[in-house]
PDB file of N, CA and C in Angstrom:
ATOM      1  N   MET A   1      74.231  61.347  88.054  1.00  0.00           N
ATOM      2  CA  MET A   1      75.195  62.426  88.188  1.00  0.00           C
ATOM      3  C   MET A   1      76.429  62.118  87.344  1.00  0.00           C
ATOM      4  N   HIS A   2      76.912  63.121  86.637  1.00  0.00           N
ATOM      5  CA  HIS A   2      78.086  62.947  85.791  1.00  0.00           C
ATOM      6  C   HIS A   2      79.350  63.183  86.609  1.00  0.00           C
ATOM      7  N   GLN A   3      80.251  62.235  86.583  1.00  0.00           N
ATOM      8  CA  GLN A   3      81.518  62.383  87.285  1.00  0.00           C
ATOM      9  C   GLN A   3      82.626  62.570  86.259  1.00  0.00           C
ATOM     10  N   TYR A   4      83.277  63.703  86.326  1.00  0.00           N
ATOM     11  CA  TYR A   4      84.387  64.005  85.434  1.00  0.00           C
ATOM     12  C   TYR A   4      85.675  64.027  86.251  1.00  0.00           C
ATOM     13  N   GLU A   5      86.699  63.384  85.731  1.00  0.00           N
ATOM     14  CA  GLU A   5      87.999  63.352  86.384  1.00  0.00           C
ATOM     15  C   GLU A   5      88.835  64.522  85.876  1.00  0.00           C
ATOM     16  N   SER A   6      89.362  65.314  86.789  1.00  0.00           N
ATOM     17  CA  SER A   6      90.245  66.418  86.396  1.00  0.00           C
ATOM     18  C   SER A   6      91.592  65.837  85.983  1.00  0.00           C
ATOM     19  N   VAL A   7      91.971  66.109  84.732  1.00  0.00           N
ATOM     20  CA  VAL A   7      93.199  65.552  84.175  1.00  0.00           C
ATOM     21  C   VAL A   7      93.910  66.649  83.388  1.00  0.00           C
ATOM     22  N   SER A   8      95.226  66.678  83.489  1.00  0.00           N
ATOM     23  CA  SER A   8      95.986  67.647  82.691  1.00  0.00           C
ATOM     24  C   SER A   8      96.067  67.163  81.246  1.00  0.00           C
ATOM     25  N   LEU A   9      96.212  68.102  80.339  1.00  0.00           N
ATOM     26  CA  LEU A   9      96.402  67.735  78.937  1.00  0.00           C
ATOM     27  C   LEU A   9      97.653  66.889  78.772  1.00  0.00           C
ATOM     28  N   VAL A  10      98.674  67.160  79.564  1.00  0.00           N
ATOM     29  CA  VAL A  10      99.917  66.387  79.494  1.00  0.00           C
ATOM     30  C   VAL A  10      99.631  64.907  79.758  1.00  0.00           C
ATOM     31  N   ARG A  11      98.864  64.634  80.804  1.00  0.00           N
ATOM     32  CA  ARG A  11      98.537  63.236  81.122  1.00  0.00           C
ATOM     33  C   ARG A  11      97.724  62.568  80.020  1.00  0.00           C
ATOM     34  N   LEU A  12      96.765  63.294  79.445  1.00  0.00           N
ATOM     35  CA  LEU A  12      95.964  62.710  78.365  1.00  0.00           C
ATOM     36  C   LEU A  12      96.832  62.365  77.165  1.00  0.00           C
ATOM     37  N   ILE A  13      97.699  63.293  76.795  1.00  0.00           N
ATOM     38  CA  ILE A  13      98.557  63.079  75.630  1.00  0.00           C
ATOM     39  C   ILE A  13      99.546  61.943  75.882  1.00  0.00           C
ATOM     40  N   ALA A  14     100.083  61.869  77.086  1.00  0.00           N
ATOM     41  CA  ALA A  14     101.085  60.852  77.418  1.00  0.00           C
ATOM     42  C   ALA A  14     100.486  59.472  77.680  1.00  0.00           C
ATOM     43  N   ASN A  15      99.210  59.418  78.061  1.00  0.00           N
ATOM     44  CA  ASN A  15      98.566  58.152  78.439  1.00  0.00           C
ATOM     45  C   ASN A  15      97.224  57.967  77.755  1.00  0.00           C
ATOM     46  N   PRO A  16      97.194  57.989  76.429  1.00  0.00           N
ATOM     47  CA  PRO A  16      95.892  57.943  75.751  1.00  0.00           C
ATOM     48  C   PRO A  16      95.086  56.674  76.038  1.00  0.00           C
ATOM     49  N   ASP A  17      95.749  55.540  76.179  1.00  0.00           N
ATOM     50  CA  ASP A  17      95.016  54.299  76.439  1.00  0.00           C
ATOM     51  C   ASP A  17      94.329  54.321  77.801  1.00  0.00           C
ATOM     52  N   LYS A  18      94.978  54.915  78.782  1.00  0.00           N
ATOM     53  CA  LYS A  18      94.443  54.965  80.140  1.00  0.00           C
ATOM     54  C   LYS A  18      93.147  55.771  80.206  1.00  0.00           C
ATOM     55  N   TYR A  19      93.055  56.838  79.421  1.00  0.00           N
ATOM     56  CA  TYR A  19      91.911  57.748  79.520  1.00  0.00           C
ATOM     57  C   TYR A  19      90.892  57.595  78.396  1.00  0.00           C
ATOM     58  N   HIS A  20      91.150  56.690  77.449  1.00  0.00           N
ATOM     59  CA  HIS A  20      90.247  56.511  76.304  1.00  0.00           C
ATOM     60  C   HIS A  20      88.813  56.223  76.776  1.00  0.00           C
ATOM     61  N   ASN A  21      87.878  56.989  76.239  1.00  0.00           N
ATOM     62  CA  ASN A  21      86.432  56.874  76.520  1.00  0.00           C
ATOM     63  C   ASN A  21      86.067  57.188  77.972  1.00  0.00           C
ATOM     64  N   ARG A  22      86.909  57.943  78.652  1.00  0.00           N
ATOM     65  CA  ARG A  22      86.594  58.355  80.029  1.00  0.00           C
ATOM     66  C   ARG A  22      86.172  59.814  80.051  1.00  0.00           C
ATOM     67  N   LYS A  23      85.298  60.138  80.999  1.00  0.00           N
ATOM     68  CA  LYS A  23      84.848  61.518  81.184  1.00  0.00           C
ATOM     69  C   LYS A  23      85.944  62.288  81.902  1.00  0.00           C
ATOM     70  N   VAL A  24      86.384  63.383  81.277  1.00  0.00           N
ATOM     71  CA  VAL A  24      87.486  64.159  81.840  1.00  0.00           C
ATOM     72  C   VAL A  24      87.133  65.641  81.890  1.00  0.00           C
ATOM     73  N   ARG A  25      87.801  66.326  82.787  1.00  0.00           N
ATOM     74  CA  ARG A  25      87.720  67.785  82.913  1.00  0.00           C
ATOM     75  C   ARG A  25      89.136  68.302  82.652  1.00  0.00           C
ATOM     76  N   ILE A  26      89.269  69.223  81.714  1.00  0.00           N
ATOM     77  CA  ILE A  26      90.585  69.743  81.361  1.00  0.00           C
ATOM     78  C   ILE A  26      90.580  71.264  81.365  1.00  0.00           C
ATOM     79  N   ILE A  27      91.757  71.827  81.454  1.00  0.00           N
ATOM     80  CA  ILE A  27      91.951  73.268  81.294  1.00  0.00           C
ATOM     81  C   ILE A  27      93.038  73.449  80.247  1.00  0.00           C
ATOM     82  N   GLY A  28      92.764  74.300  79.270  1.00  0.00           N
ATOM     83  CA  GLY A  28      93.730  74.571  78.217  1.00  0.00           C
ATOM     84  C   GLY A  28      93.331  75.826  77.463  1.00  0.00           C
ATOM     85  N   VAL A  29      94.116  76.160  76.474  1.00  0.00           N
ATOM     86  CA  VAL A  29      93.868  77.351  75.663  1.00  0.00           C
ATOM     87  C   VAL A  29      93.066  76.943  74.430  1.00  0.00           C
ATOM     88  N   ALA A  30      91.914  77.555  74.269  1.00  0.00           N
ATOM     89  CA  ALA A  30      90.983  77.185  73.205  1.00  0.00           C
ATOM     90  C   ALA A  30      91.247  77.932  71.908  1.00  0.00           C
ATOM     91  N   HIS A  31      90.909  77.250  70.819  1.00  0.00           N
ATOM     92  CA  HIS A  31      90.926  77.906  69.506  1.00  0.00           C
ATOM     93  C   HIS A  31      89.924  77.197  68.601  1.00  0.00           C
ATOM     94  N   LEU A  32      88.910  77.933  68.162  1.00  0.00           N
ATOM     95  CA  LEU A  32      87.929  77.406  67.219  1.00  0.00           C
ATOM     96  C   LEU A  32      88.099  78.108  65.894  1.00  0.00           C
ATOM     97  N   GLU A  33      88.366  77.330  64.884  1.00  0.00           N
ATOM     98  CA  GLU A  33      88.501  77.841  63.524  1.00  0.00           C
ATOM     99  C   GLU A  33      88.335  76.652  62.593  1.00  0.00           C
ATOM    100  N   PHE A  34      87.856  76.886  61.409  1.00  0.00           N
ATOM    101  CA  PHE A  34      87.616  75.817  60.445  1.00  0.00           C
ATOM    102  C   PHE A  34      88.820  74.882  60.366  1.00  0.00           C
ATOM    103  N   GLU A  35      88.573  73.594  60.590  1.00  0.00           N
ATOM    104  CA  GLU A  35      89.556  72.518  60.528  1.00  0.00           C
ATOM    105  C   GLU A  35      90.648  72.589  61.588  1.00  0.00           C
ATOM    106  N   THR A  36      90.577  73.529  62.515  1.00  0.00           N
ATOM    107  CA  THR A  36      91.583  73.590  63.582  1.00  0.00           C
ATOM    108  C   THR A  36      90.946  73.856  64.939  1.00  0.00           C
ATOM    109  N   ASN A  37      89.828  73.190  65.222  1.00  0.00           N
ATOM    110  CA  ASN A  37      89.200  73.313  66.545  1.00  0.00           C
ATOM    111  C   ASN A  37      90.046  72.542  67.541  1.00  0.00           C
ATOM    112  N   GLY A  38      90.627  73.254  68.498  1.00  0.00           N
ATOM    113  CA  GLY A  38      91.474  72.553  69.442  1.00  0.00           C
ATOM    114  C   GLY A  38      91.623  73.252  70.766  1.00  0.00           C
ATOM    115  N   VAL A  39      92.209  72.518  71.686  1.00  0.00           N
ATOM    116  CA  VAL A  39      92.570  73.051  72.986  1.00  0.00           C
ATOM    117  C   VAL A  39      94.036  72.679  73.211  1.00  0.00           C
ATOM    118  N   TYR A  40      94.824  73.678  73.590  1.00  0.00           N
ATOM    119  CA  TYR A  40      96.277  73.536  73.669  1.00  0.00           C
ATOM    120  C   TYR A  40      96.776  73.666  75.098  1.00  0.00           C
ATOM    121  N   LEU A  41      98.003  73.192  75.314  1.00  0.00           N
ATOM    122  CA  LEU A  41      98.647  73.291  76.622  1.00  0.00           C
ATOM    123  C   LEU A  41      98.869  74.735  77.047  1.00  0.00           C
ATOM    124  N   THR A  42      99.353  75.562  76.133  1.00  0.00           N
ATOM    125  CA  THR A  42      99.723  76.941  76.474  1.00  0.00           C
ATOM    126  C   THR A  42      99.272  77.901  75.386  1.00  0.00           C
ATOM    127  N   LYS A  43      99.317  79.188  75.710  1.00  0.00           N
ATOM    128  CA  LYS A  43      98.979  80.214  74.715  1.00  0.00           C
ATOM    129  C   LYS A  43      99.967  80.187  73.551  1.00  0.00           C
ATOM    130  N   GLU A  44     101.228  79.959  73.845  1.00  0.00           N
ATOM    131  CA  GLU A  44     102.233  79.901  72.775  1.00  0.00           C
ATOM    132  C   GLU A  44     101.962  78.734  71.830  1.00  0.00           C
ATOM    133  N   HIS A  45     101.616  77.585  72.365  1.00  0.00           N
ATOM    134  CA  HIS A  45     101.303  76.439  71.511  1.00  0.00           C
ATOM    135  C   HIS A  45     100.076  76.731  70.651  1.00  0.00           C
ATOM    136  N   CYS A  46      99.122  77.451  71.221  1.00  0.00           N
ATOM    137  CA  CYS A  46      97.931  77.839  70.476  1.00  0.00           C
ATOM    138  C   CYS A  46      98.290  78.789  69.338  1.00  0.00           C
ATOM    139  N   GLU A  47      99.062  79.819  69.654  1.00  0.00           N
ATOM    140  CA  GLU A  47      99.455  80.809  68.644  1.00  0.00           C
ATOM    141  C   GLU A  47     100.265  80.191  67.509  1.00  0.00           C
ATOM    142  N   GLU A  48     101.124  79.242  67.856  1.00  0.00           N
ATOM    143  CA  GLU A  48     101.992  78.601  66.853  1.00  0.00           C
ATOM    144  C   GLU A  48     101.344  77.368  66.222  1.00  0.00           C
ATOM    145  N   ARG A  49     100.142  77.025  66.672  1.00  0.00           N
ATOM    146  CA  ARG A  49      99.384  75.861  66.177  1.00  0.00           C
ATOM    147  C   ARG A  49     100.217  74.576  66.263  1.00  0.00           C
ATOM    148  N   ILE A  50     100.735  74.312  67.456  1.00  0.00           N
ATOM    149  CA  ILE A  50     101.458  73.066  67.704  1.00  0.00           C
ATOM    150  C   ILE A  50     100.411  72.033  68.100  1.00  0.00           C
ATOM    151  N   HIS A  51      99.802  71.432  67.080  1.00  0.00           N
ATOM    152  CA  HIS A  51      98.638  70.571  67.265  1.00  0.00           C
ATOM    153  C   HIS A  51      98.913  69.343  68.128  1.00  0.00           C
ATOM    154  N   LYS A  52     100.084  68.769  68.050  1.00  0.00           N
ATOM    155  CA  LYS A  52     100.390  67.573  68.842  1.00  0.00           C
ATOM    156  C   LYS A  52     100.415  67.878  70.339  1.00  0.00           C
ATOM    157  N   ASN A  53     100.518  69.151  70.707  1.00  0.00           N
ATOM    158  CA  ASN A  53     100.463  69.542  72.119  1.00  0.00           C
ATOM    159  C   ASN A  53      99.053  69.993  72.491  1.00  0.00           C
ATOM    160  N   GLY A  54      98.091  69.368  71.869  1.00  0.00           N
ATOM    161  CA  GLY A  54      96.709  69.703  72.138  1.00  0.00           C
ATOM    162  C   GLY A  54      95.769  68.605  71.704  1.00  0.00           C
ATOM    163  N   LEU A  55      94.496  68.861  71.909  1.00  0.00           N
ATOM    164  CA  LEU A  55      93.441  67.922  71.536  1.00  0.00           C
ATOM    165  C   LEU A  55      92.480  68.575  70.559  1.00  0.00           C
ATOM    166  N   TRP A  56      92.020  67.804  69.613  1.00  0.00           N
ATOM    167  CA  TRP A  56      90.929  68.192  68.732  1.00  0.00           C
ATOM    168  C   TRP A  56      89.675  68.292  69.592  1.00  0.00           C
ATOM    169  N   ILE A  57      88.825  69.245  69.320  1.00  0.00           N
ATOM    170  CA  ILE A  57      87.568  69.331  70.051  1.00  0.00           C
ATOM    171  C   ILE A  57      86.400  69.301  69.082  1.00  0.00           C
ATOM    172  N   GLU A  58      85.404  68.519  69.446  1.00  0.00           N
ATOM    173  CA  GLU A  58      84.167  68.428  68.675  1.00  0.00           C
ATOM    174  C   GLU A  58      83.060  69.053  69.509  1.00  0.00           C
ATOM    175  N   SER A  59      82.692  70.259  69.148  1.00  0.00           N
ATOM    176  CA  SER A  59      81.681  71.002  69.903  1.00  0.00           C
ATOM    177  C   SER A  59      80.311  70.813  69.291  1.00  0.00           C
ATOM    178  N   ASP A  60      79.381  70.423  70.118  1.00  0.00           N
ATOM    179  CA  ASP A  60      77.979  70.327  69.734  1.00  0.00           C
ATOM    180  C   ASP A  60      77.289  71.552  70.334  1.00  0.00           C
ATOM    181  N   TYR A  61      77.166  72.602  69.519  1.00  0.00           N
ATOM    182  CA  TYR A  61      76.650  73.880  70.017  1.00  0.00           C
ATOM    183  C   TYR A  61      75.244  73.752  70.582  1.00  0.00           C
ATOM    184  N   GLU A  62      74.443  72.901  69.961  1.00  0.00           N
ATOM    185  CA  GLU A  62      73.077  72.720  70.433  1.00  0.00           C
ATOM    186  C   GLU A  62      73.072  72.088  71.829  1.00  0.00           C
ATOM    187  N   ALA A  63      73.897  71.057  72.023  1.00  0.00           N
ATOM    188  CA  ALA A  63      73.973  70.395  73.330  1.00  0.00           C
ATOM    189  C   ALA A  63      74.521  71.339  74.394  1.00  0.00           C
ATOM    190  N   LEU A  64      75.433  72.227  74.002  1.00  0.00           N
ATOM    191  CA  LEU A  64      76.009  73.186  74.938  1.00  0.00           C
ATOM    192  C   LEU A  64      75.113  74.410  75.149  1.00  0.00           C
ATOM    193  N   LYS A  65      74.036  74.483  74.370  1.00  0.00           N
ATOM    194  CA  LYS A  65      73.101  75.610  74.441  1.00  0.00           C
ATOM    195  C   LYS A  65      73.822  76.944  74.231  1.00  0.00           C
ATOM    196  N   THR A  66      74.629  76.964  73.186  1.00  0.00           N
ATOM    197  CA  THR A  66      75.391  78.163  72.854  1.00  0.00           C
ATOM    198  C   THR A  66      75.595  78.221  71.346  1.00  0.00           C
ATOM    199  N   THR A  67      76.405  79.173  70.908  1.00  0.00           N
ATOM    200  CA  THR A  67      76.682  79.336  69.488  1.00  0.00           C
ATOM    201  C   THR A  67      78.186  79.233  69.231  1.00  0.00           C
ATOM    202  N   GLU A  68      78.523  79.000  68.000  1.00  0.00           N
ATOM    203  CA  GLU A  68      79.931  78.963  67.608  1.00  0.00           C
ATOM    204  C   GLU A  68      80.599  80.305  67.907  1.00  0.00           C
ATOM    205  N   ASP A  69      79.898  81.404  67.645  1.00  0.00           N
ATOM    206  CA  ASP A  69      80.459  82.732  67.912  1.00  0.00           C
ATOM    207  C   ASP A  69      80.772  82.923  69.392  1.00  0.00           C
ATOM    208  N   LYS A  70      79.898  82.448  70.257  1.00  0.00           N
ATOM    209  CA  LYS A  70      80.127  82.578  71.706  1.00  0.00           C
ATOM    210  C   LYS A  70      81.384  81.807  72.107  1.00  0.00           C
ATOM    211  N   LEU A  71      81.506  80.573  71.642  1.00  0.00           N
ATOM    212  CA  LEU A  71      82.679  79.777  71.992  1.00  0.00           C
ATOM    213  C   LEU A  71      83.939  80.349  71.345  1.00  0.00           C
ATOM    214  N   ALA A  72      83.821  80.876  70.138  1.00  0.00           N
ATOM    215  CA  ALA A  72      84.984  81.472  69.469  1.00  0.00           C
ATOM    216  C   ALA A  72      85.470  82.720  70.206  1.00  0.00           C
ATOM    217  N   SER A  73      84.589  83.335  70.991  1.00  0.00           N
ATOM    218  CA  SER A  73      85.013  84.513  71.758  1.00  0.00           C
ATOM    219  C   SER A  73      86.042  84.135  72.824  1.00  0.00           C
ATOM    220  N   TYR A  74      86.181  82.843  73.099  1.00  0.00           N
ATOM    221  CA  TYR A  74      87.181  82.360  74.056  1.00  0.00           C
ATOM    222  C   TYR A  74      88.522  82.036  73.379  1.00  0.00           C
ATOM    223  N   ASN A  75      88.619  82.209  72.082  1.00  0.00           N
ATOM    224  CA  ASN A  75      89.867  81.891  71.378  1.00  0.00           C
ATOM    225  C   ASN A  75      91.050  82.601  72.021  1.00  0.00           C
ATOM    226  N   GLY A  76      92.111  81.831  72.272  1.00  0.00           N
ATOM    227  CA  GLY A  76      93.313  82.379  72.873  1.00  0.00           C
ATOM    228  C   GLY A  76      93.234  82.537  74.377  1.00  0.00           C
ATOM    229  N   LYS A  77      92.127  82.091  74.961  1.00  0.00           N
ATOM    230  CA  LYS A  77      91.936  82.186  76.415  1.00  0.00           C
ATOM    231  C   LYS A  77      91.914  80.780  77.006  1.00  0.00           C
ATOM    232  N   TYR A  78      92.201  80.722  78.301  1.00  0.00           N
ATOM    233  CA  TYR A  78      92.094  79.441  78.987  1.00  0.00           C
ATOM    234  C   TYR A  78      90.629  79.116  79.223  1.00  0.00           C
ATOM    235  N   VAL A  79      90.284  77.858  78.981  1.00  0.00           N
ATOM    236  CA  VAL A  79      88.919  77.384  79.172  1.00  0.00           C
ATOM    237  C   VAL A  79      88.932  76.114  80.019  1.00  0.00           C
ATOM    238  N   LEU A  80      87.822  75.880  80.673  1.00  0.00           N
ATOM    239  CA  LEU A  80      87.582  74.628  81.378  1.00  0.00           C
ATOM    240  C   LEU A  80      86.565  73.871  80.541  1.00  0.00           C
ATOM    241  N   MET A  81      86.902  72.637  80.207  1.00  0.00           N
ATOM    242  CA  MET A  81      86.022  71.825  79.379  1.00  0.00           C
ATOM    243  C   MET A  81      85.797  70.471  80.037  1.00  0.00           C
ATOM    244  N   GLU A  82      84.604  69.937  79.844  1.00  0.00           N
ATOM    245  CA  GLU A  82      84.286  68.585  80.287  1.00  0.00           C
ATOM    246  C   GLU A  82      83.747  67.823  79.093  1.00  0.00           C
ATOM    247  N   GLY A  83      84.227  66.613  78.934  1.00  0.00           N
ATOM    248  CA  GLY A  83      83.785  65.779  77.836  1.00  0.00           C
ATOM    249  C   GLY A  83      84.404  64.403  77.931  1.00  0.00           C
ATOM    250  N   VAL A  84      84.327  63.661  76.851  1.00  0.00           N
ATOM    251  CA  VAL A  84      84.866  62.309  76.790  1.00  0.00           C
ATOM    252  C   VAL A  84      86.128  62.333  75.935  1.00  0.00           C
ATOM    253  N   PHE A  85      87.214  61.792  76.494  1.00  0.00           N
ATOM    254  CA  PHE A  85      88.465  61.718  75.745  1.00  0.00           C
ATOM    255  C   PHE A  85      88.406  60.538  74.780  1.00  0.00           C
ATOM    256  N   ASP A  86      88.769  60.793  73.518  1.00  0.00           N
ATOM    257  CA  ASP A  86      88.809  59.752  72.483  1.00  0.00           C
ATOM    258  C   ASP A  86      90.195  59.783  71.854  1.00  0.00           C
ATOM    259  N   LYS A  87      90.982  58.752  72.132  1.00  0.00           N
ATOM    260  CA  LYS A  87      92.353  58.707  71.618  1.00  0.00           C
ATOM    261  C   LYS A  87      92.401  58.603  70.095  1.00  0.00           C
ATOM    262  N   ASN A  88      91.323  58.142  69.476  1.00  0.00           N
ATOM    263  CA  ASN A  88      91.295  57.957  68.023  1.00  0.00           C
ATOM    264  C   ASN A  88      90.758  59.168  67.266  1.00  0.00           C
ATOM    265  N   CYS A  89      90.251  60.132  67.971  1.00  0.00           N
ATOM    266  CA  CYS A  89      89.695  61.337  67.354  1.00  0.00           C
ATOM    267  C   CYS A  89      90.823  62.362  67.234  1.00  0.00           C
ATOM    268  N   THR A  90      91.564  62.271  66.139  1.00  0.00           N
ATOM    269  CA  THR A  90      92.760  63.094  65.985  1.00  0.00           C
ATOM    270  C   THR A  90      92.570  64.258  65.016  1.00  0.00           C
ATOM    271  N   GLY A  91      91.321  64.545  64.672  1.00  0.00           N
ATOM    272  CA  GLY A  91      91.010  65.741  63.896  1.00  0.00           C
ATOM    273  C   GLY A  91      91.482  65.744  62.458  1.00  0.00           C
ATOM    274  N   HIS A  92      91.475  66.931  61.902  1.00  0.00           N
ATOM    275  CA  HIS A  92      91.809  67.159  60.504  1.00  0.00           C
ATOM    276  C   HIS A  92      93.212  66.626  60.178  1.00  0.00           C
ATOM    277  N   PHE A  93      93.303  65.699  59.247  1.00  0.00           N
ATOM    278  CA  PHE A  93      94.554  65.076  58.815  1.00  0.00           C
ATOM    279  C   PHE A  93      95.313  64.398  59.956  1.00  0.00           C
ATOM    280  N   GLY A  94      94.618  64.048  61.045  1.00  0.00           N
ATOM    281  CA  GLY A  94      95.255  63.341  62.152  1.00  0.00           C
ATOM    282  C   GLY A  94      96.340  64.138  62.855  1.00  0.00           C
ATOM    283  N   MET A  95      96.188  65.457  62.870  1.00  0.00           N
ATOM    284  CA  MET A  95      97.239  66.328  63.402  1.00  0.00           C
ATOM    285  C   MET A  95      97.290  66.372  64.923  1.00  0.00           C
ATOM    286  N   TRP A  96      96.249  65.935  65.613  1.00  0.00           N
ATOM    287  CA  TRP A  96      96.137  66.104  67.058  1.00  0.00           C
ATOM    288  C   TRP A  96      96.507  64.835  67.805  1.00  0.00           C
ATOM    289  N   SER A  97      96.667  64.956  69.118  1.00  0.00           N
ATOM    290  CA  SER A  97      97.037  63.821  69.966  1.00  0.00           C
ATOM    291  C   SER A  97      95.831  63.186  70.636  1.00  0.00           C
ATOM    292  N   GLY A  98      94.699  63.253  70.001  1.00  0.00           N
ATOM    293  CA  GLY A  98      93.451  62.729  70.542  1.00  0.00           C
ATOM    294  C   GLY A  98      92.408  63.826  70.488  1.00  0.00           C
ATOM    295  N   GLY A  99      91.250  63.514  71.024  1.00  0.00           N
ATOM    296  CA  GLY A  99      90.181  64.495  70.947  1.00  0.00           C
ATOM    297  C   GLY A  99      89.269  64.483  72.154  1.00  0.00           C
ATOM    298  N   LEU A 100      88.543  65.570  72.302  1.00  0.00           N
ATOM    299  CA  LEU A 100      87.512  65.670  73.325  1.00  0.00           C
ATOM    300  C   LEU A 100      86.177  65.725  72.597  1.00  0.00           C
ATOM    301  N   VAL A 101      85.319  64.769  72.890  1.00  0.00           N
ATOM    302  CA  VAL A 101      84.016  64.652  72.236  1.00  0.00           C
ATOM    303  C   VAL A 101      82.925  64.678  73.305  1.00  0.00           C
ATOM    304  N   LYS A 102      81.680  64.760  72.870  1.00  0.00           N
ATOM    305  CA  LYS A 102      80.538  64.802  73.795  1.00  0.00           C
ATOM    306  C   LYS A 102      80.784  65.843  74.885  1.00  0.00           C
ATOM    307  N   ILE A 103      81.191  67.014  74.454  1.00  0.00           N
ATOM    308  CA  ILE A 103      81.528  68.088  75.386  1.00  0.00           C
ATOM    309  C   ILE A 103      80.259  68.607  76.049  1.00  0.00           C
ATOM    310  N   SER A 104      80.281  68.618  77.375  1.00  0.00           N
ATOM    311  CA  SER A 104      79.117  69.078  78.127  1.00  0.00           C
ATOM    312  C   SER A 104      79.376  70.414  78.841  1.00  0.00           C
ATOM    313  N   ARG A 105      80.626  70.828  78.870  1.00  0.00           N
ATOM    314  CA  ARG A 105      80.958  72.109  79.499  1.00  0.00           C
ATOM    315  C   ARG A 105      82.108  72.755  78.738  1.00  0.00           C
ATOM    316  N   TYR A 106      81.981  74.057  78.509  1.00  0.00           N
ATOM    317  CA  TYR A 106      82.996  74.841  77.774  1.00  0.00           C
ATOM    318  C   TYR A 106      82.887  76.262  78.287  1.00  0.00           C
ATOM    319  N   ASP A 107      83.676  76.569  79.312  1.00  0.00           N
ATOM    320  CA  ASP A 107      83.584  77.867  79.972  1.00  0.00           C
ATOM    321  C   ASP A 107      84.948  78.516  80.057  1.00  0.00           C
ATOM    322  N   GLU A 108      84.948  79.836  79.993  1.00  0.00           N
ATOM    323  CA  GLU A 108      86.195  80.552  80.207  1.00  0.00           C
ATOM    324  C   GLU A 108      86.672  80.286  81.633  1.00  0.00           C
ATOM    325  N   TRP A 109      87.969  80.063  81.791  1.00  0.00           N
ATOM    326  CA  TRP A 109      88.563  79.788  83.102  1.00  0.00           C
ATOM    327  C   TRP A 109      89.292  81.013  83.578  1.00  0.00           C
ATOM    328  N   HIS A 110      89.045  81.408  84.800  1.00  0.00           N
ATOM    329  CA  HIS A 110      89.680  82.595  85.361  1.00  0.00           C
ATOM    330  C   HIS A 110      90.649  82.217  86.428  1.00  0.00           C
TER     331      HIS A 110
END
């Protein structure tokens, strides 16, 4: 059984060493676009692309049994994601405050 710890993006960003390589569950605002796949603290941070207030996301569409278009339909919406936090996965040009990899869940959050 997979155990994911519910953690705020704030805690991940502030304590990257504590959560490195741990399975986490997060809620944030998603945005998938070439070189800017990320999840942000707020809708405003997403709209303004404040990358340091978010995490890079590496989506494996095949593992998630979905398509890029389906996940992109969540752009600008809050999502619940489960995956492994990687403090060294800082995305395109190192713009992010870490990353979420091995994502096993990516659902719209209501």
